[in-house]
Amino acid sequence: MVDIDSTFKVYRPSLVGPEDISQQMTIHDFFAGISGVRHMIISRSTLQVLCQLVRIPKFEYLHRLQARFSCNKLQLLPKLLHSCINLKDLIVDFDTVDKVPMGIKLIYVPRCLIKTLECVEINELEWNEESGMKLVNYFVENAVILKKLTVRFIDSPVSNQEREVYRELLTTKKRSPRCQVSIY
């Protein structure tokens, strides 16, 4: 297992210019060096740097990933999952610190959602936060062999009846008939 919460000294917030090739190669080489791990925990800031790479290394042996995503960086998720081709378990710690109303669209469906992803846990959602609900729907509608989806809300003014209605709604939309949906 590797737990990554590194501060990368990048000189610009975006690593896309030709002058950034050396930094990109260094960061790419670091992640390529740990690409054989089976379990990875990655912080929000490290994740943002990783997803700025033109080409993310493949994590072929990664079976369990725990990542912290801010609500305005959810569009990075499919790019990250594309590099995790054999992922079975995903834990998303959702962060609403950077609440910015954005029209986030999660369209691309990586291979792991179709072939290998069995368990997804999404933590720290807020009941009426739109991008968090889009995240939940993304997995419900696209994960073909998903066996278990667990959603945990940080604010629980919702009644058991409302929770049950939401669970039923997710169950009717799910792509995997064997998926159990749990809401807390």
C-alpha atoms as a PDB file:
ATOM      1  CA  MET A   1       0.000   0.000   0.000  1.00  0.00           C
ATOM      2  CA  VAL A   2       1.142   3.530  -0.711  1.00  0.00           C
ATOM      3  CA  ASP A   3      -0.351   6.679   0.850  1.00  0.00           C
ATOM      4  CA  ILE A   4       0.541   9.732  -1.251  1.00  0.00           C
ATOM      5  CA  ASP A   5       0.165  13.236   0.075  1.00  0.00           C
ATOM      6  CA  SER A   6       3.145  14.912  -1.528  1.00  0.00           C
ATOM      7  CA  THR A   7       3.787  18.524  -2.259  1.00  0.00           C
ATOM      8  CA  PHE A   8       5.110  18.809  -5.776  1.00  0.00           C
ATOM      9  CA  LYS A   9       7.034  22.003  -6.396  1.00  0.00           C
ATOM     10  CA  VAL A  10       5.416  23.062  -9.618  1.00  0.00           C
ATOM     11  CA  TYR A  11       6.143  26.538 -10.856  1.00  0.00           C
ATOM     12  CA  ARG A  12       2.844  27.077 -12.592  1.00  0.00           C
ATOM     13  CA  PRO A  13      -0.616  25.856 -11.671  1.00  0.00           C
ATOM     14  CA  SER A  14      -0.856  24.074 -15.005  1.00  0.00           C
ATOM     15  CA  LEU A  15       1.829  21.814 -16.460  1.00  0.00           C
ATOM     16  CA  VAL A  16       0.865  22.095 -20.113  1.00  0.00           C
ATOM     17  CA  GLY A  17       3.501  24.326 -21.710  1.00  0.00           C
ATOM     18  CA  PRO A  18       6.633  23.107 -23.499  1.00  0.00           C
ATOM     19  CA  GLU A  19       8.755  24.612 -20.726  1.00  0.00           C
ATOM     20  CA  ASP A  20       7.084  22.208 -18.289  1.00  0.00           C
ATOM     21  CA  ILE A  21       8.309  19.006 -19.973  1.00  0.00           C
ATOM     22  CA  SER A  22      11.058  18.416 -17.401  1.00  0.00           C
ATOM     23  CA  GLN A  23       8.635  18.765 -14.484  1.00  0.00           C
ATOM     24  CA  GLN A  24       6.110  16.526 -16.211  1.00  0.00           C
ATOM     25  CA  MET A  25       8.740  13.842 -16.811  1.00  0.00           C
ATOM     26  CA  THR A  26       9.879  13.937 -13.169  1.00  0.00           C
ATOM     27  CA  ILE A  27       6.330  13.620 -11.854  1.00  0.00           C
ATOM     28  CA  HIS A  28       5.490  10.942 -14.438  1.00  0.00           C
ATOM     29  CA  ASP A  29       8.598   8.954 -13.463  1.00  0.00           C
ATOM     30  CA  PHE A  30       7.633   9.140  -9.778  1.00  0.00           C
ATOM     31  CA  PHE A  31       4.182   7.704 -10.460  1.00  0.00           C
ATOM     32  CA  ALA A  32       5.544   5.145 -12.934  1.00  0.00           C
ATOM     33  CA  GLY A  33       7.906   4.006 -10.173  1.00  0.00           C
ATOM     34  CA  ILE A  34       5.005   3.201  -7.865  1.00  0.00           C
ATOM     35  CA  SER A  35       2.661   1.905 -10.560  1.00  0.00           C
ATOM     36  CA  GLY A  36       2.949  -1.670  -9.289  1.00  0.00           C
ATOM     37  CA  VAL A  37       1.103  -0.994  -6.021  1.00  0.00           C
ATOM     38  CA  ARG A  38      -2.131  -2.834  -5.240  1.00  0.00           C
ATOM     39  CA  HIS A  39      -3.618  -0.283  -2.798  1.00  0.00           C
ATOM     40  CA  MET A  40      -3.183   3.479  -3.041  1.00  0.00           C
ATOM     41  CA  ILE A  41      -4.474   6.411  -1.005  1.00  0.00           C
ATOM     42  CA  ILE A  42      -4.043   9.749  -2.765  1.00  0.00           C
ATOM     43  CA  SER A  43      -4.704  13.273  -1.497  1.00  0.00           C
ATOM     44  CA  ARG A  44      -6.578  15.974  -3.358  1.00  0.00           C
ATOM     45  CA  SER A  45      -3.505  18.089  -4.124  1.00  0.00           C
ATOM     46  CA  THR A  46      -1.446  15.112  -5.325  1.00  0.00           C
ATOM     47  CA  LEU A  47      -4.359  13.962  -7.456  1.00  0.00           C
ATOM     48  CA  GLN A  48      -4.564  17.356  -9.157  1.00  0.00           C
ATOM     49  CA  VAL A  49      -0.864  17.218 -10.049  1.00  0.00           C
ATOM     50  CA  LEU A  50      -1.170  13.630 -11.313  1.00  0.00           C
ATOM     51  CA  CYS A  51      -4.119  14.488 -13.537  1.00  0.00           C
ATOM     52  CA  GLN A  52      -2.235  17.418 -15.104  1.00  0.00           C
ATOM     53  CA  LEU A  53       0.120  14.957 -16.752  1.00  0.00           C
ATOM     54  CA  VAL A  54      -0.436  14.487 -20.463  1.00  0.00           C
ATOM     55  CA  ARG A  55      -0.148  10.743 -19.928  1.00  0.00           C
ATOM     56  CA  ILE A  56      -0.843   9.142 -16.558  1.00  0.00           C
ATOM     57  CA  PRO A  57       1.072   5.894 -15.983  1.00  0.00           C
ATOM     58  CA  LYS A  58      -1.024   2.711 -15.983  1.00  0.00           C
ATOM     59  CA  PHE A  59      -1.638   1.249 -12.540  1.00  0.00           C
ATOM     60  CA  GLU A  60      -2.239  -2.301 -13.797  1.00  0.00           C
ATOM     61  CA  TYR A  61      -1.994  -3.978 -10.384  1.00  0.00           C
ATOM     62  CA  LEU A  62      -4.030  -1.420  -8.464  1.00  0.00           C
ATOM     63  CA  HIS A  63      -7.089  -3.098  -6.983  1.00  0.00           C
ATOM     64  CA  ARG A  64      -8.042  -0.588  -4.285  1.00  0.00           C
ATOM     65  CA  LEU A  65      -7.934   3.191  -4.592  1.00  0.00           C
ATOM     66  CA  GLN A  66      -8.916   5.827  -2.062  1.00  0.00           C
ATOM     67  CA  ALA A  67      -8.886   9.361  -3.432  1.00  0.00           C
ATOM     68  CA  ARG A  68     -10.034  12.748  -2.161  1.00  0.00           C
ATOM     69  CA  PHE A  69     -11.829  14.760  -4.830  1.00  0.00           C
ATOM     70  CA  SER A  70     -13.033  18.315  -4.529  1.00  0.00           C
ATOM     71  CA  CYS A  71     -16.413  18.960  -6.102  1.00  0.00           C
ATOM     72  CA  ASN A  72     -14.945  21.268  -8.747  1.00  0.00           C
ATOM     73  CA  LYS A  73     -12.319  18.709  -9.847  1.00  0.00           C
ATOM     74  CA  LEU A  74     -14.619  15.749 -10.467  1.00  0.00           C
ATOM     75  CA  GLN A  75     -13.920  15.926 -14.196  1.00  0.00           C
ATOM     76  CA  LEU A  76     -10.486  14.438 -13.328  1.00  0.00           C
ATOM     77  CA  LEU A  77     -12.054  11.195 -12.106  1.00  0.00           C
ATOM     78  CA  PRO A  78     -12.524   9.454 -15.489  1.00  0.00           C
ATOM     79  CA  LYS A  79      -8.934  10.316 -16.464  1.00  0.00           C
ATOM     80  CA  LEU A  80      -7.643   8.776 -13.244  1.00  0.00           C
ATOM     81  CA  LEU A  81      -9.854   5.699 -13.572  1.00  0.00           C
ATOM     82  CA  HIS A  82      -8.647   5.221 -17.151  1.00  0.00           C
ATOM     83  CA  SER A  83      -5.188   4.487 -15.737  1.00  0.00           C
ATOM     84  CA  CYS A  84      -6.559   1.984 -13.179  1.00  0.00           C
ATOM     85  CA  ILE A  85      -7.570  -0.748 -15.598  1.00  0.00           C
ATOM     86  CA  ASN A  86      -8.070  -3.545 -13.027  1.00  0.00           C
ATOM     87  CA  LEU A  87      -9.546  -1.531 -10.169  1.00  0.00           C
ATOM     88  CA  LYS A  88     -11.997  -3.457  -7.970  1.00  0.00           C
ATOM     89  CA  ASP A  89     -12.595  -1.133  -5.002  1.00  0.00           C
ATOM     90  CA  LEU A  90     -12.875   2.640  -5.059  1.00  0.00           C
ATOM     91  CA  ILE A  91     -13.331   4.957  -2.101  1.00  0.00           C
ATOM     92  CA  VAL A  92     -14.030   8.587  -2.952  1.00  0.00           C
ATOM     93  CA  ASP A  93     -13.743  11.044  -0.103  1.00  0.00           C
ATOM     94  CA  PHE A  94     -15.771  13.938  -1.439  1.00  0.00           C
ATOM     95  CA  ASP A  95     -14.672  17.436  -0.532  1.00  0.00           C
ATOM     96  CA  THR A  96     -17.052  20.369  -0.890  1.00  0.00           C
ATOM     97  CA  VAL A  97     -14.513  22.944   0.345  1.00  0.00           C
ATOM     98  CA  ASP A  98     -14.213  24.530  -3.093  1.00  0.00           C
ATOM     99  CA  LYS A  99     -17.923  24.853  -3.729  1.00  0.00           C
ATOM    100  CA  VAL A 100     -18.196  26.461  -7.098  1.00  0.00           C
ATOM    101  CA  PRO A 101     -21.376  26.027  -9.112  1.00  0.00           C
ATOM    102  CA  MET A 102     -20.163  24.221 -12.205  1.00  0.00           C
ATOM    103  CA  GLY A 103     -21.826  22.181 -14.879  1.00  0.00           C
ATOM    104  CA  ILE A 104     -19.695  19.098 -14.294  1.00  0.00           C
ATOM    105  CA  LYS A 105     -20.219  16.375 -16.862  1.00  0.00           C
ATOM    106  CA  LEU A 106     -18.888  12.887 -16.358  1.00  0.00           C
ATOM    107  CA  ILE A 107     -19.263  11.325 -19.795  1.00  0.00           C
ATOM    108  CA  TYR A 108     -16.257   9.108 -20.519  1.00  0.00           C
ATOM    109  CA  VAL A 109     -16.618   5.582 -19.114  1.00  0.00           C
ATOM    110  CA  PRO A 110     -13.223   3.951 -18.466  1.00  0.00           C
ATOM    111  CA  ARG A 111     -12.581   0.229 -18.843  1.00  0.00           C
ATOM    112  CA  CYS A 112     -12.638  -0.513 -15.098  1.00  0.00           C
ATOM    113  CA  LEU A 113     -16.278   0.618 -14.831  1.00  0.00           C
ATOM    114  CA  ILE A 114     -17.243  -1.920 -17.465  1.00  0.00           C
ATOM    115  CA  LYS A 115     -14.946  -4.833 -16.567  1.00  0.00           C
ATOM    116  CA  THR A 116     -13.645  -4.834 -12.976  1.00  0.00           C
ATOM    117  CA  LEU A 117     -15.102  -2.284 -10.535  1.00  0.00           C
ATOM    118  CA  GLU A 118     -17.110  -4.147  -7.881  1.00  0.00           C
ATOM    119  CA  CYS A 119     -17.347  -1.825  -4.898  1.00  0.00           C
ATOM    120  CA  VAL A 120     -17.661   1.964  -4.650  1.00  0.00           C
ATOM    121  CA  GLU A 121     -17.880   3.955  -1.448  1.00  0.00           C
ATOM    122  CA  ILE A 122     -18.555   7.687  -1.623  1.00  0.00           C
ATOM    123  CA  ASN A 123     -18.020   9.555   1.636  1.00  0.00           C
ATOM    124  CA  GLU A 124     -18.816  13.026   2.933  1.00  0.00           C
ATOM    125  CA  LEU A 125     -21.553  13.971   0.487  1.00  0.00           C
ATOM    126  CA  GLU A 126     -23.951  16.779   1.263  1.00  0.00           C
ATOM    127  CA  TRP A 127     -27.602  15.959   0.665  1.00  0.00           C
ATOM    128  CA  ASN A 128     -28.398  18.813  -1.737  1.00  0.00           C
ATOM    129  CA  GLU A 129     -24.974  19.195  -3.387  1.00  0.00           C
ATOM    130  CA  GLU A 130     -25.374  18.739  -7.160  1.00  0.00           C
ATOM    131  CA  SER A 131     -21.906  17.540  -8.194  1.00  0.00           C
ATOM    132  CA  GLY A 132     -21.935  14.856  -5.487  1.00  0.00           C
ATOM    133  CA  MET A 133     -25.229  13.528  -6.805  1.00  0.00           C
ATOM    134  CA  LYS A 134     -23.781  13.498 -10.331  1.00  0.00           C
ATOM    135  CA  LEU A 135     -20.895  11.429  -9.011  1.00  0.00           C
ATOM    136  CA  VAL A 136     -23.248   8.867  -7.470  1.00  0.00           C
ATOM    137  CA  ASN A 137     -25.304   8.677 -10.670  1.00  0.00           C
ATOM    138  CA  TYR A 138     -22.135   8.263 -12.759  1.00  0.00           C
ATOM    139  CA  PHE A 139     -21.337   5.000 -10.984  1.00  0.00           C
ATOM    140  CA  VAL A 140     -24.925   3.767 -10.800  1.00  0.00           C
ATOM    141  CA  GLU A 141     -25.497   4.306 -14.514  1.00  0.00           C
ATOM    142  CA  ASN A 142     -22.109   3.122 -15.839  1.00  0.00           C
ATOM    143  CA  ALA A 143     -20.580   0.455 -13.567  1.00  0.00           C
ATOM    144  CA  VAL A 144     -21.625  -2.794 -15.215  1.00  0.00           C
ATOM    145  CA  ILE A 145     -20.512  -5.360 -12.608  1.00  0.00           C
ATOM    146  CA  LEU A 146     -20.808  -3.203  -9.496  1.00  0.00           C
ATOM    147  CA  LYS A 147     -21.794  -5.314  -6.478  1.00  0.00           C
ATOM    148  CA  LYS A 148     -21.965  -2.664  -3.785  1.00  0.00           C
ATOM    149  CA  LEU A 149     -22.427   1.104  -3.716  1.00  0.00           C
ATOM    150  CA  THR A 150     -22.205   2.843  -0.359  1.00  0.00           C
ATOM    151  CA  VAL A 151     -23.057   6.529  -0.035  1.00  0.00           C
ATOM    152  CA  ARG A 152     -22.375   8.396   3.210  1.00  0.00           C
ATOM    153  CA  PHE A 153     -23.760  11.869   3.843  1.00  0.00           C
ATOM    154  CA  ILE A 154     -22.184  14.299   6.302  1.00  0.00           C
ATOM    155  CA  ASP A 155     -25.445  16.108   6.922  1.00  0.00           C
ATOM    156  CA  SER A 156     -28.224  13.839   8.062  1.00  0.00           C
ATOM    157  CA  PRO A 157     -31.321  15.966   8.457  1.00  0.00           C
ATOM    158  CA  VAL A 158     -32.900  13.534   6.027  1.00  0.00           C
ATOM    159  CA  SER A 159     -35.376  11.056   7.376  1.00  0.00           C
ATOM    160  CA  ASN A 160     -35.147   7.316   6.919  1.00  0.00           C
ATOM    161  CA  GLN A 161     -38.055   7.594   4.501  1.00  0.00           C
ATOM    162  CA  GLU A 162     -36.198  10.149   2.332  1.00  0.00           C
ATOM    163  CA  ARG A 163     -33.105   7.960   2.417  1.00  0.00           C
ATOM    164  CA  GLU A 164     -35.153   4.962   1.318  1.00  0.00           C
ATOM    165  CA  VAL A 165     -36.719   6.943  -1.542  1.00  0.00           C
ATOM    166  CA  TYR A 166     -33.244   7.976  -2.727  1.00  0.00           C
ATOM    167  CA  ARG A 167     -31.997   4.380  -2.466  1.00  0.00           C
ATOM    168  CA  GLU A 168     -34.974   3.162  -4.504  1.00  0.00           C
ATOM    169  CA  LEU A 169     -34.348   5.852  -7.116  1.00  0.00           C
ATOM    170  CA  LEU A 170     -30.722   4.760  -7.457  1.00  0.00           C
ATOM    171  CA  THR A 171     -31.764   1.118  -7.629  1.00  0.00           C
ATOM    172  CA  THR A 172     -34.063   1.754 -10.589  1.00  0.00           C
ATOM    173  CA  LYS A 173     -31.272   3.529 -12.508  1.00  0.00           C
ATOM    174  CA  LYS A 174     -28.488   1.034 -11.823  1.00  0.00           C
ATOM    175  CA  ARG A 175     -26.747  -0.730 -14.650  1.00  0.00           C
ATOM    176  CA  SER A 176     -25.652  -3.712 -12.564  1.00  0.00           C
ATOM    177  CA  PRO A 177     -28.611  -5.829 -11.457  1.00  0.00           C
ATOM    178  CA  ARG A 178     -26.585  -7.362  -8.580  1.00  0.00           C
ATOM    179  CA  CYS A 179     -25.617  -4.024  -7.043  1.00  0.00           C
ATOM    180  CA  GLN A 180     -26.659  -3.385  -3.450  1.00  0.00           C
ATOM    181  CA  VAL A 181     -27.115   0.296  -2.616  1.00  0.00           C
ATOM    182  CA  SER A 182     -26.541   1.453   0.973  1.00  0.00           C
ATOM    183  CA  ILE A 183     -27.131   5.015   2.133  1.00  0.00           C
ATOM    184  CA  TYR A 184     -26.017   6.425   5.475  1.00  0.00           C
END
